């Protein structure tokens, strides 16, 4: 899904993410604000919430 990446962009992402407020899930790369909030990551990768997870339902029963 991601393919080749530019390592300097990754380094910039982490450098700008570190030291931010505890619940501030944003970073800046090349002047663009990137959100890595849990709901954004879930939407990008198509993850479902736990109440819809088959494995969670099996453990509960």
Protein backbone atom coordinates (compact mmCIF):
# COMPACT_ATOMS: atom_id res chain seq x y z
CA UNK A 1 0.00 0.00 0.00
CA UNK A 2 2.76 2.44 0.89
CA UNK A 3 5.57 1.39 -1.47
CA UNK A 4 8.82 3.29 -1.57
CA UNK A 5 9.17 6.16 0.86
CA UNK A 6 11.50 9.05 1.38
CA UNK A 7 13.29 8.41 4.68
CA UNK A 8 13.81 12.13 5.26
CA UNK A 9 10.01 12.57 5.28
CA UNK A 10 9.69 9.82 7.89
CA UNK A 11 12.40 11.43 10.02
CA UNK A 12 10.69 14.82 9.71
CA UNK A 13 7.34 13.28 10.71
CA UNK A 14 8.80 11.77 13.88
CA UNK A 15 10.88 14.83 14.73
CA UNK A 16 7.81 17.07 14.55
CA UNK A 17 5.55 14.61 16.40
CA UNK A 18 7.82 14.20 19.41
CA UNK A 19 7.39 16.73 22.19
CA UNK A 20 3.81 17.66 21.29
CA UNK A 21 0.96 17.59 23.77
CA UNK A 22 -0.06 14.13 24.95
CA UNK A 23 -3.29 13.92 22.93
CA UNK A 24 -2.19 16.02 19.96
CA UNK A 25 -2.06 13.41 17.21
CA UNK A 26 -0.61 15.66 14.53
CA UNK A 27 2.74 16.21 12.91
CA UNK A 28 3.99 18.39 10.08
CA UNK A 29 5.83 17.17 6.99
CA UNK A 30 6.95 19.61 4.30
CA UNK A 31 4.50 22.20 5.62
CA UNK A 32 1.49 19.84 5.57
CA UNK A 33 -0.26 18.85 8.78
CA UNK A 34 -0.65 15.09 9.15
CA UNK A 35 -3.14 13.58 11.60
CA UNK A 36 -2.42 10.20 13.10
CA UNK A 37 -5.38 10.20 15.47
CA UNK A 38 -6.80 6.72 16.09
CA UNK A 39 -10.02 7.39 14.15
CA UNK A 40 -8.05 8.69 11.15
CA UNK A 41 -5.75 5.64 11.12
CA UNK A 42 -8.79 3.35 11.41
CA UNK A 43 -10.46 5.07 8.44
CA UNK A 44 -7.34 4.98 6.25
CA UNK A 45 -6.74 1.27 6.81
CA UNK A 46 -10.41 0.27 7.01
CA UNK A 47 -10.23 -1.03 10.57
CA UNK A 48 -13.51 -1.70 12.33
CA UNK A 49 -14.35 -0.84 15.92
CA UNK A 50 -14.00 -3.62 18.49
CA UNK A 51 -17.75 -4.15 18.87
CA UNK A 52 -17.79 -5.38 15.25
CA UNK A 53 -14.71 -7.56 15.64
CA UNK A 54 -15.45 -11.29 15.33
CA UNK A 55 -12.58 -12.22 17.67
CA UNK A 56 -13.80 -9.87 20.40
CA UNK A 57 -17.31 -11.29 20.16
CA UNK A 58 -15.97 -14.85 20.45
CA UNK A 59 -13.93 -13.99 23.55
CA UNK A 60 -16.96 -12.40 25.22
CA UNK A 61 -19.21 -15.45 24.74
